[in-house]
Amino acid sequence: MKAKLIKTEEEYTLALARMEELFDVTPESEDFDEAELLITLIELYENEHYKIEAPDPIDAIKFRMEQMGLKKIDMTKYFGTRGRVSEILNRQRELSLTMIKKLHKDFGIPAESLIA
């Protein structure tokens, strides 16, 4: 495959097919440089055409709560009162900077996701 920027969906499909052929190459293989370049070109195309948006902050919090087996009452540590927990989880109140910092630190949720 000739090395060039991927500009169309057809070129993208061809690049993926070629990458599948090269999938098991090792650094010692003569095709390794082609595979590395192809991966870079595919990532560049995907970042431009298939961008994944950050999740909604409240959805991210609820997902992490579910993963950690937490209930709404457990969130008073982060949000304050039970009423405030309810307001935030029902999208009636914004997250404060202090809340964002605590959630990022304790839950590992990216700050960028919480700020959105």
PDB file of N, CA and C in Angstrom:
ATOM      1  N   MET A   1       0.848  -1.185   0.000  1.00  0.00           N
ATOM      2  CA  MET A   1       0.000   0.000   0.000  1.00  0.00           C
ATOM      3  C   MET A   1       0.888   1.241   0.000  1.00  0.00           C
ATOM      4  N   LYS A   2       0.565   2.177  -0.854  1.00  0.00           N
ATOM      5  CA  LYS A   2       1.315   3.426  -0.947  1.00  0.00           C
ATOM      6  C   LYS A   2       0.982   4.305   0.256  1.00  0.00           C
ATOM      7  N   ALA A   3       2.006   4.834   0.923  1.00  0.00           N
ATOM      8  CA  ALA A   3       1.811   5.671   2.109  1.00  0.00           C
ATOM      9  C   ALA A   3       1.346   7.061   1.699  1.00  0.00           C
ATOM     10  N   LYS A   4       0.143   7.436   2.163  1.00  0.00           N
ATOM     11  CA  LYS A   4      -0.401   8.769   1.919  1.00  0.00           C
ATOM     12  C   LYS A   4      -1.508   9.023   2.928  1.00  0.00           C
ATOM     13  N   LEU A   5      -1.877  10.262   3.088  1.00  0.00           N
ATOM     14  CA  LEU A   5      -2.964  10.597   3.996  1.00  0.00           C
ATOM     15  C   LEU A   5      -4.250   9.922   3.539  1.00  0.00           C
ATOM     16  N   ILE A   6      -5.031   9.479   4.500  1.00  0.00           N
ATOM     17  CA  ILE A   6      -6.318   8.858   4.219  1.00  0.00           C
ATOM     18  C   ILE A   6      -7.347   9.982   4.156  1.00  0.00           C
ATOM     19  N   LYS A   7      -7.999  10.114   2.997  1.00  0.00           N
ATOM     20  CA  LYS A   7      -8.933  11.233   2.808  1.00  0.00           C
ATOM     21  C   LYS A   7     -10.375  10.810   2.592  1.00  0.00           C
ATOM     22  N   THR A   8     -10.587   9.549   2.220  1.00  0.00           N
ATOM     23  CA  THR A   8     -11.958   9.106   1.945  1.00  0.00           C
ATOM     24  C   THR A   8     -12.269   7.856   2.759  1.00  0.00           C
ATOM     25  N   GLU A   9     -13.549   7.559   2.838  1.00  0.00           N
ATOM     26  CA  GLU A   9     -13.994   6.363   3.545  1.00  0.00           C
ATOM     27  C   GLU A   9     -13.467   5.102   2.843  1.00  0.00           C
ATOM     28  N   GLU A  10     -13.400   5.146   1.526  1.00  0.00           N
ATOM     29  CA  GLU A  10     -12.866   4.005   0.772  1.00  0.00           C
ATOM     30  C   GLU A  10     -11.388   3.768   1.103  1.00  0.00           C
ATOM     31  N   GLU A  11     -10.607   4.837   1.164  1.00  0.00           N
ATOM     32  CA  GLU A  11      -9.194   4.710   1.527  1.00  0.00           C
ATOM     33  C   GLU A  11      -9.048   4.208   2.963  1.00  0.00           C
ATOM     34  N   TYR A  12      -9.931   4.665   3.812  1.00  0.00           N
ATOM     35  CA  TYR A  12      -9.927   4.220   5.206  1.00  0.00           C
ATOM     36  C   TYR A  12     -10.194   2.719   5.293  1.00  0.00           C
ATOM     37  N   THR A  13     -11.190   2.246   4.556  1.00  0.00           N
ATOM     38  CA  THR A  13     -11.515   0.819   4.533  1.00  0.00           C
ATOM     39  C   THR A  13     -10.337  -0.005   4.015  1.00  0.00           C
ATOM     40  N   LEU A  14      -9.683   0.477   2.970  1.00  0.00           N
ATOM     41  CA  LEU A  14      -8.508  -0.220   2.427  1.00  0.00           C
ATOM     42  C   LEU A  14      -7.370  -0.248   3.444  1.00  0.00           C
ATOM     43  N   ALA A  15      -7.179   0.858   4.132  1.00  0.00           N
ATOM     44  CA  ALA A  15      -6.118   0.928   5.144  1.00  0.00           C
ATOM     45  C   ALA A  15      -6.390  -0.057   6.280  1.00  0.00           C
ATOM     46  N   LEU A  16      -7.639  -0.148   6.702  1.00  0.00           N
ATOM     47  CA  LEU A  16      -7.997  -1.105   7.756  1.00  0.00           C
ATOM     48  C   LEU A  16      -7.754  -2.538   7.298  1.00  0.00           C
ATOM     49  N   ALA A  17      -8.100  -2.829   6.055  1.00  0.00           N
ATOM     50  CA  ALA A  17      -7.879  -4.176   5.514  1.00  0.00           C
ATOM     51  C   ALA A  17      -6.394  -4.498   5.479  1.00  0.00           C
ATOM     52  N   ARG A  18      -5.585  -3.540   5.048  1.00  0.00           N
ATOM     53  CA  ARG A  18      -4.129  -3.767   5.006  1.00  0.00           C
ATOM     54  C   ARG A  18      -3.578  -3.927   6.429  1.00  0.00           C
ATOM     55  N   MET A  19      -4.089  -3.144   7.364  1.00  0.00           N
ATOM     56  CA  MET A  19      -3.627  -3.249   8.745  1.00  0.00           C
ATOM     57  C   MET A  19      -3.964  -4.614   9.318  1.00  0.00           C
ATOM     58  N   GLU A  20      -5.105  -5.145   8.918  1.00  0.00           N
ATOM     59  CA  GLU A  20      -5.482  -6.483   9.374  1.00  0.00           C
ATOM     60  C   GLU A  20      -4.468  -7.521   8.874  1.00  0.00           C
ATOM     61  N   GLU A  21      -3.993  -7.345   7.659  1.00  0.00           N
ATOM     62  CA  GLU A  21      -2.966  -8.243   7.103  1.00  0.00           C
ATOM     63  C   GLU A  21      -1.657  -8.126   7.885  1.00  0.00           C
ATOM     64  N   LEU A  22      -1.366  -6.929   8.363  1.00  0.00           N
ATOM     65  CA  LEU A  22      -0.092  -6.669   9.062  1.00  0.00           C
ATOM     66  C   LEU A  22      -0.205  -6.811  10.571  1.00  0.00           C
ATOM     67  N   PHE A  23      -1.339  -7.235  11.058  1.00  0.00           N
ATOM     68  CA  PHE A  23      -1.633  -7.214  12.485  1.00  0.00           C
ATOM     69  C   PHE A  23      -0.588  -7.900  13.357  1.00  0.00           C
ATOM     70  N   ASP A  24      -0.040  -8.992  12.929  1.00  0.00           N
ATOM     71  CA  ASP A  24       0.884  -9.772  13.756  1.00  0.00           C
ATOM     72  C   ASP A  24       2.359  -9.488  13.482  1.00  0.00           C
ATOM     73  N   VAL A  25       2.673  -8.383  12.802  1.00  0.00           N
ATOM     74  CA  VAL A  25       4.085  -8.100  12.520  1.00  0.00           C
ATOM     75  C   VAL A  25       4.838  -7.816  13.823  1.00  0.00           C
ATOM     76  N   THR A  26       6.102  -8.117  13.811  1.00  0.00           N
ATOM     77  CA  THR A  26       6.974  -7.863  14.964  1.00  0.00           C
ATOM     78  C   THR A  26       7.968  -6.773  14.593  1.00  0.00           C
ATOM     79  N   PRO A  27       8.607  -6.153  15.574  1.00  0.00           N
ATOM     80  CA  PRO A  27       9.583  -5.100  15.268  1.00  0.00           C
ATOM     81  C   PRO A  27      10.710  -5.566  14.340  1.00  0.00           C
ATOM     82  N   GLU A  28      10.972  -6.852  14.297  1.00  0.00           N
ATOM     83  CA  GLU A  28      12.036  -7.373  13.434  1.00  0.00           C
ATOM     84  C   GLU A  28      11.570  -7.565  11.991  1.00  0.00           C
ATOM     85  N   SER A  29      10.267  -7.510  11.770  1.00  0.00           N
ATOM     86  CA  SER A  29       9.691  -7.760  10.449  1.00  0.00           C
ATOM     87  C   SER A  29       9.978  -6.605   9.498  1.00  0.00           C
ATOM     88  N   GLU A  30      10.112  -6.932   8.221  1.00  0.00           N
ATOM     89  CA  GLU A  30      10.341  -5.880   7.228  1.00  0.00           C
ATOM     90  C   GLU A  30       9.094  -5.022   6.998  1.00  0.00           C
ATOM     91  N   ASP A  31       7.929  -5.504   7.425  1.00  0.00           N
ATOM     92  CA  ASP A  31       6.679  -4.755   7.284  1.00  0.00           C
ATOM     93  C   ASP A  31       6.350  -3.897   8.507  1.00  0.00           C
ATOM     94  N   PHE A  32       7.223  -3.915   9.515  1.00  0.00           N
ATOM     95  CA  PHE A  32       6.924  -3.204  10.761  1.00  0.00           C
ATOM     96  C   PHE A  32       6.778  -1.695  10.545  1.00  0.00           C
ATOM     97  N   ASP A  33       7.668  -1.088   9.756  1.00  0.00           N
ATOM     98  CA  ASP A  33       7.592   0.356   9.511  1.00  0.00           C
ATOM     99  C   ASP A  33       6.286   0.721   8.817  1.00  0.00           C
ATOM    100  N   GLU A  34       5.872  -0.121   7.867  1.00  0.00           N
ATOM    101  CA  GLU A  34       4.602   0.127   7.178  1.00  0.00           C
ATOM    102  C   GLU A  34       3.433   0.065   8.168  1.00  0.00           C
ATOM    103  N   ALA A  35       3.462  -0.905   9.059  1.00  0.00           N
ATOM    104  CA  ALA A  35       2.394  -1.051  10.046  1.00  0.00           C
ATOM    105  C   ALA A  35       2.333   0.166  10.968  1.00  0.00           C
ATOM    106  N   GLU A  36       3.482   0.632  11.435  1.00  0.00           N
ATOM    107  CA  GLU A  36       3.514   1.817  12.312  1.00  0.00           C
ATOM    108  C   GLU A  36       2.953   3.046  11.602  1.00  0.00           C
ATOM    109  N   LEU A  37       3.363   3.243  10.364  1.00  0.00           N
ATOM    110  CA  LEU A  37       2.884   4.385   9.590  1.00  0.00           C
ATOM    111  C   LEU A  37       1.383   4.266   9.341  1.00  0.00           C
ATOM    112  N   LEU A  38       0.925   3.090   9.011  1.00  0.00           N
ATOM    113  CA  LEU A  38      -0.484   2.860   8.750  1.00  0.00           C
ATOM    114  C   LEU A  38      -1.333   3.119   9.994  1.00  0.00           C
ATOM    115  N   ILE A  39      -0.854   2.682  11.139  1.00  0.00           N
ATOM    116  CA  ILE A  39      -1.559   2.941  12.397  1.00  0.00           C
ATOM    117  C   ILE A  39      -1.702   4.448  12.621  1.00  0.00           C
ATOM    118  N   THR A  40      -0.640   5.185  12.388  1.00  0.00           N
ATOM    119  CA  THR A  40      -0.665   6.631  12.568  1.00  0.00           C
ATOM    120  C   THR A  40      -1.658   7.283  11.617  1.00  0.00           C
ATOM    121  N   LEU A  41      -1.656   6.863  10.353  1.00  0.00           N
ATOM    122  CA  LEU A  41      -2.574   7.433   9.369  1.00  0.00           C
ATOM    123  C   LEU A  41      -4.031   7.101   9.703  1.00  0.00           C
ATOM    124  N   ILE A  42      -4.279   5.884  10.153  1.00  0.00           N
ATOM    125  CA  ILE A  42      -5.631   5.483  10.534  1.00  0.00           C
ATOM    126  C   ILE A  42      -6.104   6.291  11.738  1.00  0.00           C
ATOM    127  N   GLU A  43      -5.254   6.449  12.743  1.00  0.00           N
ATOM    128  CA  GLU A  43      -5.617   7.237  13.928  1.00  0.00           C
ATOM    129  C   GLU A  43      -5.917   8.684  13.558  1.00  0.00           C
ATOM    130  N   LEU A  44      -5.119   9.241  12.682  1.00  0.00           N
ATOM    131  CA  LEU A  44      -5.334  10.616  12.241  1.00  0.00           C
ATOM    132  C   LEU A  44      -6.705  10.760  11.574  1.00  0.00           C
ATOM    133  N   TYR A  45      -7.046   9.825  10.707  1.00  0.00           N
ATOM    134  CA  TYR A  45      -8.351   9.855  10.031  1.00  0.00           C
ATOM    135  C   TYR A  45      -9.483   9.680  11.044  1.00  0.00           C
ATOM    136  N   GLU A  46      -9.342   8.717  11.937  1.00  0.00           N
ATOM    137  CA  GLU A  46     -10.390   8.452  12.925  1.00  0.00           C
ATOM    138  C   GLU A  46     -10.584   9.633  13.871  1.00  0.00           C
ATOM    139  N   ASN A  47      -9.511  10.271  14.272  1.00  0.00           N
ATOM    140  CA  ASN A  47      -9.629  11.433  15.172  1.00  0.00           C
ATOM    141  C   ASN A  47     -10.381  12.575  14.507  1.00  0.00           C
ATOM    142  N   GLU A  48     -10.272  12.668  13.197  1.00  0.00           N
ATOM    143  CA  GLU A  48     -10.960  13.733  12.480  1.00  0.00           C
ATOM    144  C   GLU A  48     -12.409  13.368  12.150  1.00  0.00           C
ATOM    145  N   HIS A  49     -12.670  12.107  11.817  1.00  0.00           N
ATOM    146  CA  HIS A  49     -13.986  11.717  11.321  1.00  0.00           C
ATOM    147  C   HIS A  49     -14.849  10.925  12.309  1.00  0.00           C
ATOM    148  N   TYR A  50     -14.255  10.373  13.325  1.00  0.00           N
ATOM    149  CA  TYR A  50     -15.000   9.548  14.285  1.00  0.00           C
ATOM    150  C   TYR A  50     -14.712   9.983  15.716  1.00  0.00           C
ATOM    151  N   LYS A  51     -14.731  11.262  15.940  1.00  0.00           N
ATOM    152  CA  LYS A  51     -14.408  11.816  17.248  1.00  0.00           C
ATOM    153  C   LYS A  51     -15.408  11.328  18.302  1.00  0.00           C
ATOM    154  N   ILE A  52     -14.901  10.888  19.433  1.00  0.00           N
ATOM    155  CA  ILE A  52     -15.739  10.433  20.536  1.00  0.00           C
ATOM    156  C   ILE A  52     -15.878  11.583  21.529  1.00  0.00           C
ATOM    157  N   GLU A  53     -17.102  11.983  21.745  1.00  0.00           N
ATOM    158  CA  GLU A  53     -17.367  13.090  22.659  1.00  0.00           C
ATOM    159  C   GLU A  53     -17.253  12.622  24.113  1.00  0.00           C
ATOM    160  N   ALA A  54     -16.885  13.543  24.969  1.00  0.00           N
ATOM    161  CA  ALA A  54     -16.814  13.246  26.402  1.00  0.00           C
ATOM    162  C   ALA A  54     -18.233  12.967  26.912  1.00  0.00           C
ATOM    163  N   PRO A  55     -18.367  12.065  27.872  1.00  0.00           N
ATOM    164  CA  PRO A  55     -19.706  11.764  28.384  1.00  0.00           C
ATOM    165  C   PRO A  55     -20.272  12.936  29.180  1.00  0.00           C
ATOM    166  N   ASP A  56     -21.566  12.950  29.304  1.00  0.00           N
ATOM    167  CA  ASP A  56     -22.240  13.926  30.138  1.00  0.00           C
ATOM    168  C   ASP A  56     -21.728  13.764  31.575  1.00  0.00           C
ATOM    169  N   PRO A  57     -21.429  14.864  32.280  1.00  0.00           N
ATOM    170  CA  PRO A  57     -20.880  14.756  33.638  1.00  0.00           C
ATOM    171  C   PRO A  57     -21.735  13.927  34.593  1.00  0.00           C
ATOM    172  N   ILE A  58     -23.028  14.122  34.564  1.00  0.00           N
ATOM    173  CA  ILE A  58     -23.914  13.396  35.484  1.00  0.00           C
ATOM    174  C   ILE A  58     -23.958  11.915  35.114  1.00  0.00           C
ATOM    175  N   ASP A  59     -23.992  11.620  33.818  1.00  0.00           N
ATOM    176  CA  ASP A  59     -23.946  10.216  33.386  1.00  0.00           C
ATOM    177  C   ASP A  59     -22.648   9.558  33.832  1.00  0.00           C
ATOM    178  N   ALA A  60     -21.538  10.291  33.748  1.00  0.00           N
ATOM    179  CA  ALA A  60     -20.246   9.749  34.187  1.00  0.00           C
ATOM    180  C   ALA A  60     -20.254   9.465  35.687  1.00  0.00           C
ATOM    181  N   ILE A  61     -20.837  10.363  36.458  1.00  0.00           N
ATOM    182  CA  ILE A  61     -20.923  10.177  37.915  1.00  0.00           C
ATOM    183  C   ILE A  61     -21.797   8.968  38.243  1.00  0.00           C
ATOM    184  N   LYS A  62     -22.959   8.889  37.608  1.00  0.00           N
ATOM    185  CA  LYS A  62     -23.863   7.768  37.870  1.00  0.00           C
ATOM    186  C   LYS A  62     -23.231   6.434  37.479  1.00  0.00           C
ATOM    187  N   PHE A  63     -22.511   6.428  36.368  1.00  0.00           N
ATOM    188  CA  PHE A  63     -21.837   5.207  35.929  1.00  0.00           C
ATOM    189  C   PHE A  63     -20.799   4.773  36.952  1.00  0.00           C
ATOM    190  N   ARG A  64     -20.005   5.735  37.448  1.00  0.00           N
ATOM    191  CA  ARG A  64     -18.976   5.402  38.438  1.00  0.00           C
ATOM    192  C   ARG A  64     -19.609   4.967  39.754  1.00  0.00           C
ATOM    193  N   MET A  65     -20.720   5.596  40.121  1.00  0.00           N
ATOM    194  CA  MET A  65     -21.437   5.178  41.336  1.00  0.00           C
ATOM    195  C   MET A  65     -21.869   3.716  41.207  1.00  0.00           C
ATOM    196  N   GLU A  66     -22.402   3.375  40.059  1.00  0.00           N
ATOM    197  CA  GLU A  66     -22.844   1.993  39.825  1.00  0.00           C
ATOM    198  C   GLU A  66     -21.662   1.030  39.898  1.00  0.00           C
ATOM    199  N   GLN A  67     -20.554   1.410  39.275  1.00  0.00           N
ATOM    200  CA  GLN A  67     -19.356   0.565  39.308  1.00  0.00           C
ATOM    201  C   GLN A  67     -18.855   0.335  40.728  1.00  0.00           C
ATOM    202  N   MET A  68     -18.957   1.368  41.551  1.00  0.00           N
ATOM    203  CA  MET A  68     -18.422   1.301  42.910  1.00  0.00           C
ATOM    204  C   MET A  68     -19.461   0.844  43.928  1.00  0.00           C
ATOM    205  N   GLY A  69     -20.678   0.591  43.477  1.00  0.00           N
ATOM    206  CA  GLY A  69     -21.733   0.141  44.381  1.00  0.00           C
ATOM    207  C   GLY A  69     -22.192   1.213  45.354  1.00  0.00           C
ATOM    208  N   LEU A  70     -22.139   2.475  44.922  1.00  0.00           N
ATOM    209  CA  LEU A  70     -22.537   3.589  45.782  1.00  0.00           C
ATOM    210  C   LEU A  70     -23.995   3.955  45.574  1.00  0.00           C
ATOM    211  N   LYS A  71     -24.607   4.439  46.639  1.00  0.00           N
ATOM    212  CA  LYS A  71     -25.986   4.917  46.591  1.00  0.00           C
ATOM    213  C   LYS A  71     -25.964   6.439  46.696  1.00  0.00           C
ATOM    214  N   LYS A  72     -27.122   7.045  46.470  1.00  0.00           N
ATOM    215  CA  LYS A  72     -27.209   8.508  46.534  1.00  0.00           C
ATOM    216  C   LYS A  72     -26.733   9.039  47.875  1.00  0.00           C
ATOM    217  N   ILE A  73     -27.067   8.354  48.946  1.00  0.00           N
ATOM    218  CA  ILE A  73     -26.681   8.813  50.289  1.00  0.00           C
ATOM    219  C   ILE A  73     -25.156   8.887  50.428  1.00  0.00           C
ATOM    220  N   ASP A  74     -24.447   8.022  49.719  1.00  0.00           N
ATOM    221  CA  ASP A  74     -22.981   8.035  49.771  1.00  0.00           C
ATOM    222  C   ASP A  74     -22.393   9.291  49.136  1.00  0.00           C
ATOM    223  N   MET A  75     -23.171   9.954  48.317  1.00  0.00           N
ATOM    224  CA  MET A  75     -22.669  11.115  47.590  1.00  0.00           C
ATOM    225  C   MET A  75     -22.709  12.399  48.409  1.00  0.00           C
ATOM    226  N   THR A  76     -23.282  12.341  49.605  1.00  0.00           N
ATOM    227  CA  THR A  76     -23.285  13.543  50.449  1.00  0.00           C
ATOM    228  C   THR A  76     -21.860  13.969  50.784  1.00  0.00           C
ATOM    229  N   LYS A  77     -20.932  13.027  50.784  1.00  0.00           N
ATOM    230  CA  LYS A  77     -19.518  13.343  51.019  1.00  0.00           C
ATOM    231  C   LYS A  77     -18.989  14.301  49.946  1.00  0.00           C
ATOM    232  N   TYR A  78     -19.539  14.214  48.758  1.00  0.00           N
ATOM    233  CA  TYR A  78     -19.059  15.023  47.640  1.00  0.00           C
ATOM    234  C   TYR A  78     -19.918  16.254  47.374  1.00  0.00           C
ATOM    235  N   PHE A  79     -21.233  16.140  47.645  1.00  0.00           N
ATOM    236  CA  PHE A  79     -22.148  17.202  47.276  1.00  0.00           C
ATOM    237  C   PHE A  79     -22.738  17.961  48.453  1.00  0.00           C
ATOM    238  N   GLY A  80     -22.628  17.442  49.657  1.00  0.00           N
ATOM    239  CA  GLY A  80     -23.219  18.106  50.815  1.00  0.00           C
ATOM    240  C   GLY A  80     -24.474  17.398  51.264  1.00  0.00           C
ATOM    241  N   THR A  81     -25.556  18.095  51.274  1.00  0.00           N
ATOM    242  CA  THR A  81     -26.810  17.549  51.795  1.00  0.00           C
ATOM    243  C   THR A  81     -27.457  16.566  50.821  1.00  0.00           C
ATOM    244  N   ARG A  82     -28.415  15.789  51.356  1.00  0.00           N
ATOM    245  CA  ARG A  82     -29.160  14.852  50.515  1.00  0.00           C
ATOM    246  C   ARG A  82     -29.939  15.595  49.429  1.00  0.00           C
ATOM    247  N   GLY A  83     -30.450  16.764  49.788  1.00  0.00           N
ATOM    248  CA  GLY A  83     -31.179  17.586  48.819  1.00  0.00           C
ATOM    249  C   GLY A  83     -30.298  18.020  47.664  1.00  0.00           C
ATOM    250  N   ARG A  84     -29.074  18.409  48.003  1.00  0.00           N
ATOM    251  CA  ARG A  84     -28.135  18.838  46.963  1.00  0.00           C
ATOM    252  C   ARG A  84     -27.745  17.658  46.073  1.00  0.00           C
ATOM    253  N   VAL A  85     -27.579  16.479  46.667  1.00  0.00           N
ATOM    254  CA  VAL A  85     -27.273  15.279  45.883  1.00  0.00           C
ATOM    255  C   VAL A  85     -28.380  15.067  44.851  1.00  0.00           C
ATOM    256  N   SER A  86     -29.610  15.141  45.299  1.00  0.00           N
ATOM    257  CA  SER A  86     -30.754  14.954  44.415  1.00  0.00           C
ATOM    258  C   SER A  86     -30.779  16.007  43.309  1.00  0.00           C
ATOM    259  N   GLU A  87     -30.536  17.266  43.676  1.00  0.00           N
ATOM    260  CA  GLU A  87     -30.538  18.347  42.684  1.00  0.00           C
ATOM    261  C   GLU A  87     -29.472  18.119  41.617  1.00  0.00           C
ATOM    262  N   ILE A  88     -28.285  17.720  42.041  1.00  0.00           N
ATOM    263  CA  ILE A  88     -27.201  17.516  41.086  1.00  0.00           C
ATOM    264  C   ILE A  88     -27.480  16.320  40.189  1.00  0.00           C
ATOM    265  N   LEU A  89     -27.870  15.201  40.774  1.00  0.00           N
ATOM    266  CA  LEU A  89     -28.107  14.001  39.972  1.00  0.00           C
ATOM    267  C   LEU A  89     -29.330  14.130  39.062  1.00  0.00           C
ATOM    268  N   ASN A  90     -30.216  15.084  39.390  1.00  0.00           N
ATOM    269  CA  ASN A  90     -31.379  15.361  38.532  1.00  0.00           C
ATOM    270  C   ASN A  90     -31.133  16.565  37.619  1.00  0.00           C
ATOM    271  N   ARG A  91     -29.878  17.021  37.573  1.00  0.00           N
ATOM    272  CA  ARG A  91     -29.447  18.117  36.689  1.00  0.00           C
ATOM    273  C   ARG A  91     -30.142  19.452  36.982  1.00  0.00           C
ATOM    274  N   GLN A  92     -30.481  19.671  38.242  1.00  0.00           N
ATOM    275  CA  GLN A  92     -31.113  20.925  38.633  1.00  0.00           C
ATOM    276  C   GLN A  92     -30.093  21.895  39.228  1.00  0.00           C
ATOM    277  N   ARG A  93     -28.889  21.412  39.486  1.00  0.00           N
ATOM    278  CA  ARG A  93     -27.826  22.239  40.066  1.00  0.00           C
ATOM    279  C   ARG A  93     -26.514  21.862  39.388  1.00  0.00           C
ATOM    280  N   GLU A  94     -25.678  22.855  39.153  1.00  0.00           N
ATOM    281  CA  GLU A  94     -24.359  22.647  38.537  1.00  0.00           C
ATOM    282  C   GLU A  94     -23.363  22.112  39.566  1.00  0.00           C
ATOM    283  N   LEU A  95     -22.360  21.414  39.084  1.00  0.00           N
ATOM    284  CA  LEU A  95     -21.253  20.986  39.941  1.00  0.00           C
ATOM    285  C   LEU A  95     -20.373  22.187  40.254  1.00  0.00           C
ATOM    286  N   SER A  96     -19.930  22.301  41.496  1.00  0.00           N
ATOM    287  CA  SER A  96     -19.000  23.371  41.854  1.00  0.00           C
ATOM    288  C   SER A  96     -17.572  22.895  41.576  1.00  0.00           C
ATOM    289  N   LEU A  97     -16.636  23.802  41.573  1.00  0.00           N
ATOM    290  CA  LEU A  97     -15.234  23.457  41.353  1.00  0.00           C
ATOM    291  C   LEU A  97     -14.735  22.505  42.438  1.00  0.00           C
ATOM    292  N   THR A  98     -15.156  22.711  43.669  1.00  0.00           N
ATOM    293  CA  THR A  98     -14.769  21.834  44.780  1.00  0.00           C
ATOM    294  C   THR A  98     -15.288  20.419  44.548  1.00  0.00           C
ATOM    295  N   MET A  99     -16.539  20.305  44.107  1.00  0.00           N
ATOM    296  CA  MET A  99     -17.118  18.989  43.823  1.00  0.00           C
ATOM    297  C   MET A  99     -16.351  18.295  42.697  1.00  0.00           C
ATOM    298  N   ILE A 100     -16.048  19.052  41.656  1.00  0.00           N
ATOM    299  CA  ILE A 100     -15.316  18.496  40.507  1.00  0.00           C
ATOM    300  C   ILE A 100     -13.968  17.960  40.946  1.00  0.00           C
ATOM    301  N   LYS A 101     -13.271  18.723  41.782  1.00  0.00           N
ATOM    302  CA  LYS A 101     -11.953  18.279  42.268  1.00  0.00           C
ATOM    303  C   LYS A 101     -12.061  16.994  43.085  1.00  0.00           C
ATOM    304  N   LYS A 102     -13.050  16.917  43.978  1.00  0.00           N
ATOM    305  CA  LYS A 102     -13.232  15.714  44.799  1.00  0.00           C
ATOM    306  C   LYS A 102     -13.574  14.502  43.941  1.00  0.00           C
ATOM    307  N   LEU A 103     -14.491  14.690  42.993  1.00  0.00           N
ATOM    308  CA  LEU A 103     -14.908  13.584  42.129  1.00  0.00           C
ATOM    309  C   LEU A 103     -13.752  13.101  41.253  1.00  0.00           C
ATOM    310  N   HIS A 104     -12.987  14.045  40.764  1.00  0.00           N
ATOM    311  CA  HIS A 104     -11.823  13.684  39.943  1.00  0.00           C
ATOM    312  C   HIS A 104     -10.812  12.892  40.772  1.00  0.00           C
ATOM    313  N   LYS A 105     -10.537  13.373  41.955  1.00  0.00           N
ATOM    314  CA  LYS A 105      -9.538  12.726  42.815  1.00  0.00           C
ATOM    315  C   LYS A 105     -10.010  11.357  43.298  1.00  0.00           C
ATOM    316  N   ASP A 106     -11.222  11.268  43.810  1.00  0.00           N
ATOM    317  CA  ASP A 106     -11.696  10.031  44.436  1.00  0.00           C
ATOM    318  C   ASP A 106     -12.298   9.033  43.453  1.00  0.00           C
ATOM    319  N   PHE A 107     -12.884   9.519  42.369  1.00  0.00           N
ATOM    320  CA  PHE A 107     -13.545   8.625  41.416  1.00  0.00           C
ATOM    321  C   PHE A 107     -12.702   8.371  40.177  1.00  0.00           C
ATOM    322  N   GLY A 108     -11.714   9.226  39.932  1.00  0.00           N
ATOM    323  CA  GLY A 108     -10.898   9.067  38.743  1.00  0.00           C
ATOM    324  C   GLY A 108     -11.610   9.477  37.463  1.00  0.00           C
ATOM    325  N   ILE A 109     -12.673  10.251  37.594  1.00  0.00           N
ATOM    326  CA  ILE A 109     -13.372  10.750  36.404  1.00  0.00           C
ATOM    327  C   ILE A 109     -12.554  11.920  35.852  1.00  0.00           C
ATOM    328  N   PRO A 110     -12.236  11.909  34.549  1.00  0.00           N
ATOM    329  CA  PRO A 110     -11.467  13.017  33.997  1.00  0.00           C
ATOM    330  C   PRO A 110     -12.155  14.361  34.256  1.00  0.00           C
ATOM    331  N   ALA A 111     -11.375  15.335  34.673  1.00  0.00           N
ATOM    332  CA  ALA A 111     -11.923  16.663  34.971  1.00  0.00           C
ATOM    333  C   ALA A 111     -12.625  17.243  33.762  1.00  0.00           C
ATOM    334  N   GLU A 112     -12.097  16.967  32.549  1.00  0.00           N
ATOM    335  CA  GLU A 112     -12.708  17.485  31.324  1.00  0.00           C
ATOM    336  C   GLU A 112     -14.144  17.008  31.181  1.00  0.00           C
ATOM    337  N   SER A 113     -14.401  15.766  31.590  1.00  0.00           N
ATOM    338  CA  SER A 113     -15.756  15.222  31.519  1.00  0.00           C
ATOM    339  C   SER A 113     -16.679  15.890  32.523  1.00  0.00           C
ATOM    340  N   LEU A 114     -16.151  16.225  33.677  1.00  0.00           N
ATOM    341  CA  LEU A 114     -16.965  16.839  34.722  1.00  0.00           C
ATOM    342  C   LEU A 114     -17.253  18.310  34.449  1.00  0.00           C
ATOM    343  N   ILE A 115     -16.375  18.952  33.722  1.00  0.00           N
ATOM    344  CA  ILE A 115     -16.547  20.377  33.432  1.00  0.00           C
ATOM    345  C   ILE A 115     -17.576  20.580  32.326  1.00  0.00           C
ATOM    346  N   ALA A 116     -17.667  19.628  31.419  1.00  0.00           N
ATOM    347  CA  ALA A 116     -18.617  19.755  30.290  1.00  0.00           C
ATOM    348  C   ALA A 116     -19.986  19.939  30.833  1.00  0.00           C
TER     349      ALA A 116
END
